[in-house]
Every structure is written in C-alpha cells, then in structure tokens.
N, C-alpha and C. Protein backbone atom coordinates (compact mmCIF):
# COMPACT_ATOMS: atom_id res chain seq x y z
N MET A 1 0.93 -1.18 -0.05
CA MET A 1 0.06 0.13 -0.01
C MET A 1 0.64 1.10 0.04
N VAL A 2 1.92 1.11 0.95
CA VAL A 2 3.01 2.16 0.81
C VAL A 2 3.45 2.32 -0.46
N SER A 3 3.92 1.53 -1.27
CA SER A 3 4.59 1.86 -2.55
C SER A 3 3.16 2.57 -3.73
N PHE A 4 2.37 2.00 -3.39
CA PHE A 4 1.29 2.58 -4.22
C PHE A 4 0.89 3.93 -4.05
N ILE A 5 1.05 4.40 -2.31
CA ILE A 5 0.98 5.93 -2.29
C ILE A 5 1.91 6.61 -2.55
N ASP A 6 3.52 6.19 -2.73
CA ASP A 6 4.37 6.69 -3.45
C ASP A 6 4.61 6.70 -4.69
N GLN A 7 3.86 5.81 -5.05
CA GLN A 7 3.83 5.96 -6.97
C GLN A 7 2.75 7.27 -7.06
N HIS A 8 1.35 7.49 -6.65
CA HIS A 8 0.73 8.29 -6.99
C HIS A 8 0.46 9.51 -6.34
N ARG A 9 1.49 9.96 -5.49
CA ARG A 9 1.30 10.95 -4.11
C ARG A 9 1.22 12.27 -5.37
N ALA A 10 1.85 12.36 -6.44
CA ALA A 10 2.39 13.53 -6.98
C ALA A 10 1.04 14.35 -7.61
N GLU A 11 0.46 12.72 -8.13
CA GLU A 11 -1.05 13.17 -9.00
C GLU A 11 -1.90 13.45 -8.21
N TYR A 12 -2.26 12.40 -7.18
CA TYR A 12 -3.50 12.68 -6.19
C TYR A 12 -3.36 13.44 -4.64
N GLY A 13 -2.23 13.20 -4.24
CA GLY A 13 -2.12 13.99 -3.21
C GLY A 13 -1.97 12.78 -2.07
N VAL A 14 -1.67 12.73 -0.60
CA VAL A 14 -1.79 11.64 0.10
C VAL A 14 -2.89 11.28 0.79
N GLU A 15 -3.82 12.48 1.26
CA GLU A 15 -4.99 12.17 2.07
C GLU A 15 -5.65 11.57 1.07
N PRO A 16 -6.15 11.95 0.00
CA PRO A 16 -7.58 11.11 -0.64
C PRO A 16 -7.08 9.92 -1.00
N ILE A 17 -5.97 9.40 -1.39
CA ILE A 17 -5.21 8.08 -1.17
C ILE A 17 -5.59 7.53 -0.02
N CYS A 18 -5.28 8.03 1.40
CA CYS A 18 -5.77 7.16 2.32
C CYS A 18 -6.89 7.11 2.91
N GLU A 19 -7.70 8.20 2.08
CA GLU A 19 -9.28 7.91 2.60
C GLU A 19 -9.70 6.52 1.89
N GLN A 20 -9.12 6.24 0.91
CA GLN A 20 -9.64 4.98 0.06
C GLN A 20 -9.18 3.89 0.51
N LEU A 21 -7.88 4.05 1.13
CA LEU A 21 -7.23 2.75 1.70
C LEU A 21 -7.18 2.64 3.10
N PRO A 22 -6.98 1.24 3.50
CA PRO A 22 -6.91 1.35 5.19
C PRO A 22 -5.79 1.36 5.36
N ILE A 23 -5.29 2.64 5.25
CA ILE A 23 -3.49 3.08 5.80
C ILE A 23 -3.87 4.61 6.49
N SER A 24 -3.66 4.74 7.28
CA SER A 24 -3.26 6.29 7.89
C SER A 24 -2.55 7.42 7.36
N PRO A 25 -3.06 8.99 7.21
CA PRO A 25 -2.00 9.32 6.71
C PRO A 25 -0.72 9.64 7.09
N ALA A 26 -0.62 9.33 8.77
CA ALA A 26 0.50 9.26 9.57
C ALA A 26 1.26 8.31 8.84
N LEU A 27 0.92 7.33 8.72
CA LEU A 27 1.95 6.09 8.19
C LEU A 27 2.50 6.54 6.94
N SER A 28 1.77 7.09 6.23
CA SER A 28 2.36 7.66 4.68
C SER A 28 3.33 8.60 5.17
N LEU A 29 2.80 9.62 6.02
CA LEU A 29 4.13 10.95 6.22
C LEU A 29 5.03 10.37 6.83
N LEU A 30 5.19 9.25 7.64
CA LEU A 30 6.50 8.69 8.25
C LEU A 30 7.22 7.91 7.12
N ARG A 31 6.64 7.41 6.18
CA ARG A 31 7.24 7.10 4.97
C ARG A 31 7.99 7.99 4.16
N LEU A 32 7.20 8.82 3.93
CA LEU A 32 7.88 9.95 3.20
C LEU A 32 9.00 10.39 4.11
N ASN A 33 9.03 10.82 4.87
CA ASN A 33 10.12 11.31 5.98
C ASN A 33 11.24 10.42 5.81
N GLU A 34 11.03 9.07 5.97
CA GLU A 34 11.98 7.92 5.87
C GLU A 34 13.14 8.51 4.63
N ASN A 35 11.87 8.38 3.60
CA ASN A 35 12.56 8.84 2.19
C ASN A 35 13.46 9.83 2.17
N CYS A 36 12.83 11.12 2.62
CA CYS A 36 13.56 12.29 2.70
C CYS A 36 14.92 12.33 3.49
N LEU A 37 15.08 11.52 4.74
CA LEU A 37 15.77 11.10 5.38
C LEU A 37 17.57 10.58 4.36
N ARG A 38 16.64 9.37 3.95
CA ARG A 38 17.47 8.53 2.94
C ARG A 38 18.00 9.69 1.97
N GLU A 39 17.44 10.57 1.24
CA GLU A 39 18.05 11.33 0.25
C GLU A 39 18.72 12.46 0.61
N SER A 40 18.12 13.28 1.89
CA SER A 40 19.13 14.17 1.96
C SER A 40 20.77 13.67 2.91
N ARG A 41 21.01 12.49 3.07
CA ARG A 41 22.19 12.14 3.25
C ARG A 41 23.27 12.29 2.31
N GLY A 42 22.64 11.85 1.10
CA GLY A 42 23.61 12.06 -0.26
C GLY A 42 23.54 13.52 -0.41
N ASP A 43 22.18 14.30 -0.34
CA ASP A 43 22.54 15.84 -0.62
C ASP A 43 23.87 16.21 0.44
N SER A 44 23.58 16.11 1.52
CA SER A 44 24.41 16.74 2.32
C SER A 44 25.91 16.46 2.19
N VAL A 45 25.83 15.16 2.02
CA VAL A 45 27.71 14.62 1.60
C VAL A 45 27.79 15.34 0.47
N LYS A 46 26.88 16.10 -0.65
CA LYS A 46 27.31 16.42 -1.75
C LYS A 46 27.88 17.99 -1.49
N HIS A 47 27.05 18.57 -0.77
CA HIS A 47 26.94 19.88 -0.60
C HIS A 47 27.41 20.48 0.72
N SER A 48 27.80 19.63 1.44
CA SER A 48 28.45 20.27 2.99
C SER A 48 29.84 19.52 3.11
N ALA A 49 30.64 20.54 3.46
CA ALA A 49 32.05 19.98 3.34
C ALA A 49 32.21 19.28 4.84
N TRP A 50 31.53 19.58 5.97
CA TRP A 50 31.79 19.03 7.39
C TRP A 50 30.86 17.58 7.29
N ALA A 51 29.70 17.34 6.60
CA ALA A 51 29.13 16.37 6.03
C ALA A 51 29.72 15.32 5.33
N LYS A 52 30.61 15.74 4.44
CA LYS A 52 31.36 14.88 3.72
C LYS A 52 32.54 14.36 4.49
N ALA A 53 33.23 15.27 5.01
CA ALA A 53 34.29 14.69 6.33
C ALA A 53 33.90 13.94 7.27
N HIS A 54 32.62 13.91 7.94
CA HIS A 54 32.17 13.25 8.81
C HIS A 54 31.97 11.63 8.27
N TYR A 55 31.41 11.94 7.11
CA TYR A 55 30.93 10.68 6.54
C TYR A 55 32.04 9.76 6.04
N ALA A 56 33.11 10.23 5.52
CA ALA A 56 34.51 9.89 5.42
C ALA A 56 35.44 9.32 6.53
N SER A 57 35.07 10.09 7.77
CA SER A 57 35.90 9.70 8.77
C SER A 57 35.34 8.43 9.22
N GLN A 58 33.76 7.99 9.33
CA GLN A 58 32.81 6.99 9.80
C GLN A 58 33.68 5.87 8.81
N ARG A 59 33.96 6.10 7.67
CA ARG A 59 34.41 4.84 6.86
C ARG A 59 35.60 4.62 6.70
N ALA A 60 36.54 5.71 7.20
CA ALA A 60 37.75 5.41 7.50
C ALA A 60 37.66 4.74 8.98
N LYS A 61 36.80 4.84 9.82
CA LYS A 61 36.90 4.06 11.37
C LYS A 61 36.34 2.49 11.16
N GLY A 62 36.26 2.10 9.78
CA GLY A 62 35.65 0.95 9.26
C GLY A 62 34.17 0.80 9.56
N LYS A 63 33.40 1.88 9.50
CA LYS A 63 31.78 1.79 9.83
C LYS A 63 31.46 1.79 8.34
N ASP A 64 30.35 0.50 8.28
CA ASP A 64 30.11 0.33 6.75
C ASP A 64 28.89 1.53 6.46
N HIS A 65 28.45 1.66 5.19
CA HIS A 65 27.65 2.67 4.99
C HIS A 65 26.60 2.93 5.80
N ALA A 66 25.96 2.04 6.34
CA ALA A 66 24.61 2.23 7.02
C ALA A 66 24.90 3.02 8.04
N ALA A 67 25.89 2.51 8.89
CA ALA A 67 26.35 2.95 10.44
C ALA A 67 27.12 4.46 10.18
N ALA A 68 27.69 4.70 8.92
CA ALA A 68 28.49 5.74 8.60
C ALA A 68 26.88 6.74 8.35
N VAL A 69 26.02 6.54 7.60
CA VAL A 69 24.87 7.08 7.43
C VAL A 69 23.92 7.76 8.86
N ARG A 70 23.70 6.61 9.90
CA ARG A 70 23.41 6.77 11.01
C ARG A 70 23.77 7.91 11.62
N SER A 71 25.26 7.78 11.59
CA SER A 71 26.04 8.60 12.43
C SER A 71 25.83 10.09 11.84
N LEU A 72 25.80 10.21 10.47
CA LEU A 72 25.49 11.58 9.84
C LEU A 72 24.20 11.77 10.07
N ALA A 73 23.34 11.39 10.14
CA ALA A 73 21.86 11.70 10.57
C ALA A 73 21.68 12.01 12.22
N PHE A 74 22.32 11.36 12.90
CA PHE A 74 22.36 11.95 14.40
C PHE A 74 22.93 13.03 14.58
N LYS A 75 24.25 13.36 14.01
CA LYS A 75 24.63 14.94 13.48
C LYS A 75 23.65 15.87 13.68
N TRP A 76 22.94 15.70 12.33
CA TRP A 76 21.99 16.61 11.77
C TRP A 76 21.04 16.48 12.79
N ILE A 77 20.52 15.71 13.50
CA ILE A 77 19.26 15.79 14.52
C ILE A 77 19.92 16.98 15.37
N ARG A 78 21.01 16.65 15.96
CA ARG A 78 21.31 17.46 17.13
C ARG A 78 21.41 19.09 16.59
N ILE A 79 22.15 19.13 15.47
CA ILE A 79 22.11 20.47 14.82
C ILE A 79 20.56 21.28 14.56
N ILE A 80 19.84 20.15 14.20
CA ILE A 80 18.47 20.87 13.65
C ILE A 80 17.93 21.10 15.08
N TRP A 81 18.01 20.15 15.91
CA TRP A 81 17.21 20.41 17.38
C TRP A 81 17.79 21.92 18.01
N LYS A 82 18.99 22.07 17.86
CA LYS A 82 19.69 23.20 18.32
C LYS A 82 19.11 24.72 17.69
N CYS A 83 19.03 24.74 16.36
CA CYS A 83 18.50 25.58 15.44
C CYS A 83 16.88 25.68 15.82
N TRP A 84 16.08 24.73 16.45
CA TRP A 84 14.96 24.74 16.68
C TRP A 84 14.94 25.62 17.97
N GLN A 85 15.42 25.39 18.86
CA GLN A 85 15.53 25.54 20.48
C GLN A 85 15.84 27.33 20.40
N THR A 86 16.78 27.67 19.54
CA THR A 86 17.43 28.82 19.59
C THR A 86 16.67 29.88 18.52
N ASN A 87 15.87 29.06 17.70
CA ASN A 87 14.52 29.61 16.57
C ASN A 87 15.96 30.53 15.70
N THR A 88 16.94 29.68 15.38
CA THR A 88 17.79 30.49 14.15
C THR A 88 17.93 29.40 13.08
N PRO A 89 17.90 29.87 11.60
CA PRO A 89 18.08 29.17 10.53
C PRO A 89 19.75 28.39 10.54
N TYR A 90 19.57 27.27 10.21
CA TYR A 90 21.05 26.92 9.90
C TYR A 90 21.55 27.36 8.81
N ASP A 91 22.84 27.66 9.35
CA ASP A 91 24.10 28.47 8.74
C ASP A 91 25.30 27.65 8.37
N GLU A 92 25.64 26.93 7.29
CA GLU A 92 27.18 26.20 7.66
C GLU A 92 28.31 26.97 7.61
N ALA A 93 28.10 28.34 7.45
CA ALA A 93 29.41 29.09 7.78
C ALA A 93 29.51 29.09 9.68
N ILE A 94 28.46 29.53 9.96
CA ILE A 94 28.30 29.29 11.71
C ILE A 94 28.93 28.13 12.42
N TYR A 95 28.54 26.80 11.78
CA TYR A 95 28.39 25.60 12.22
C TYR A 95 30.25 25.31 12.19
N LEU A 96 30.81 25.89 10.53
CA LEU A 96 32.21 25.55 10.53
C LEU A 96 32.99 26.46 11.61
N ALA A 97 32.70 27.47 11.74
CA ALA A 97 33.11 28.35 12.45
C ALA A 97 33.18 27.96 14.28
N CYS A 98 32.17 27.25 14.64
CA CYS A 98 31.84 26.48 15.88
C CYS A 98 32.68 25.31 16.14
N LEU A 99 33.02 24.93 14.78
CA LEU A 99 33.83 23.58 14.65
C LEU A 99 35.27 23.97 14.71
N LYS A 100 35.64 24.66 14.15
CA LYS A 100 37.15 25.38 14.05
C LYS A 100 37.42 25.81 15.97
N LYS A 101 36.42 26.80 15.96
CA LYS A 101 36.58 27.18 17.58
C LYS A 101 36.92 25.88 18.50
N ARG A 102 36.07 24.84 18.38
CA ARG A 102 36.50 23.92 19.41
C ARG A 102 37.29 23.23 18.98
N ASN A 103 37.94 23.21 18.09
CA ASN A 103 39.43 22.50 17.38
C ASN A 103 38.88 20.99 17.15
N SER A 104 37.92 20.83 16.50
CA SER A 104 37.12 19.68 15.85
C SER A 104 37.81 18.78 15.06
N PRO A 105 38.19 17.42 15.37
CA PRO A 105 38.98 16.97 14.01
C PRO A 105 38.27 16.90 12.75
N LEU A 106 37.36 17.07 12.90
CA LEU A 106 36.43 17.38 11.31
C LEU A 106 36.91 18.44 10.53
N MET A 107 37.52 19.86 11.42
CA MET A 107 38.30 20.67 10.64
C MET A 107 39.31 20.14 10.00
N LYS A 108 39.95 19.40 10.60
CA LYS A 108 41.43 19.12 9.87
C LYS A 108 41.21 18.17 8.91
N LEU A 109 40.00 17.16 9.05
CA LEU A 109 39.61 16.44 7.34
C LEU A 109 39.11 17.61 6.65
N ILE A 110 38.47 18.56 7.01
CA ILE A 110 38.13 19.39 6.08
C ILE A 110 39.05 19.84 4.85
N GLU A 111 39.86 20.91 6.17
CA GLU A 111 41.05 21.48 5.12
C GLU A 111 41.73 20.56 4.59
N ALA A 112 42.00 19.05 4.72
CA ALA A 112 42.46 17.96 3.96
C ALA A 112 41.79 18.07 2.58
N GLN A 113 40.47 17.87 2.83
CA GLN A 113 39.93 17.76 1.51
C GLN A 113 39.75 18.85 0.64
N THR A 114 39.71 19.87 1.15
CA THR A 114 39.99 21.07 0.71
C THR A 114 41.29 21.72 -0.36
N ALA A 115 42.23 21.00 0.59
CA ALA A 115 43.55 21.29 -0.06
C ALA A 115 43.87 19.99 -1.46
N ALA A 116 43.18 18.70 -1.24
CA ALA A 116 43.32 17.97 -1.94
C ALA A 116 42.26 18.34 -3.43
N ALA A 117 41.47 18.77 -2.91
CA ALA A 117 40.11 19.09 -4.14
C ALA A 117 41.10 20.41 -5.14
N GLN A 118 41.78 21.21 -4.21
CA GLN A 118 42.48 22.26 -4.96
C GLN A 118 43.99 21.79 -5.83
N ALA A 119 44.64 20.80 -5.44
CA ALA A 119 45.83 20.38 -5.69
C ALA A 119 45.52 19.91 -7.24
C-alpha cells in the first residue's frame, strides 16, 4: 500500500489516497520522512564540507555505509534540534566556525579535503 501511495502521491496527494485505503496518513507521512532522510544524506554529503568529512571519517574508522549514514543523521538531528531551540536558521558558515573554535577533528579533515580538491 505504501508503494502505491508513493507512486501516486504527486498526482492525487496523500489524503485522498489514504481515505480510500485502510492506511493512515501518518503512516504515509512517516514513510515520506524516511525517504527524505535517506535522500538528504546524499545531498548533505554533496553540498556540505563537514558532512562529507564526517561521512568519510566514519568510513575510515571501518564503519559500513549504513552506520556512517546513521552517524551523520544523528549529527544532523542535534544541529536541527539546536536551530529549533534557538529559533535560528541553519548556517553552514556558523557551524564551521563553531567546529574551528572547538578544534574539532572534522576541521582537519575538511582542510585536507579542500587542499586535495585544489591540488
């Protein structure tokens, strides 16, 4: 049923489909959020220096892909929580400055990745 909703969401929306099927919209929304989180991992690694460095560091420690993604998701959850608590939008530059201020090992990885990309 969830796959049917995924296939027809764009055309009909979730609510009308869920009214006809014995499935709650909340379950469909949960499925949608799972898909968004899975897809956002790839996007964050592509567009965020620290996310790429964190994912690479987890893989270098011998973690498999799933464990590295979970670790990255956990980091994102803490960042999003802090943004929500302080009512501020996420800003990559601010987060990188915090990493630098705290002498985070991620900063060394980010600098190494930047140097390698420029070489």
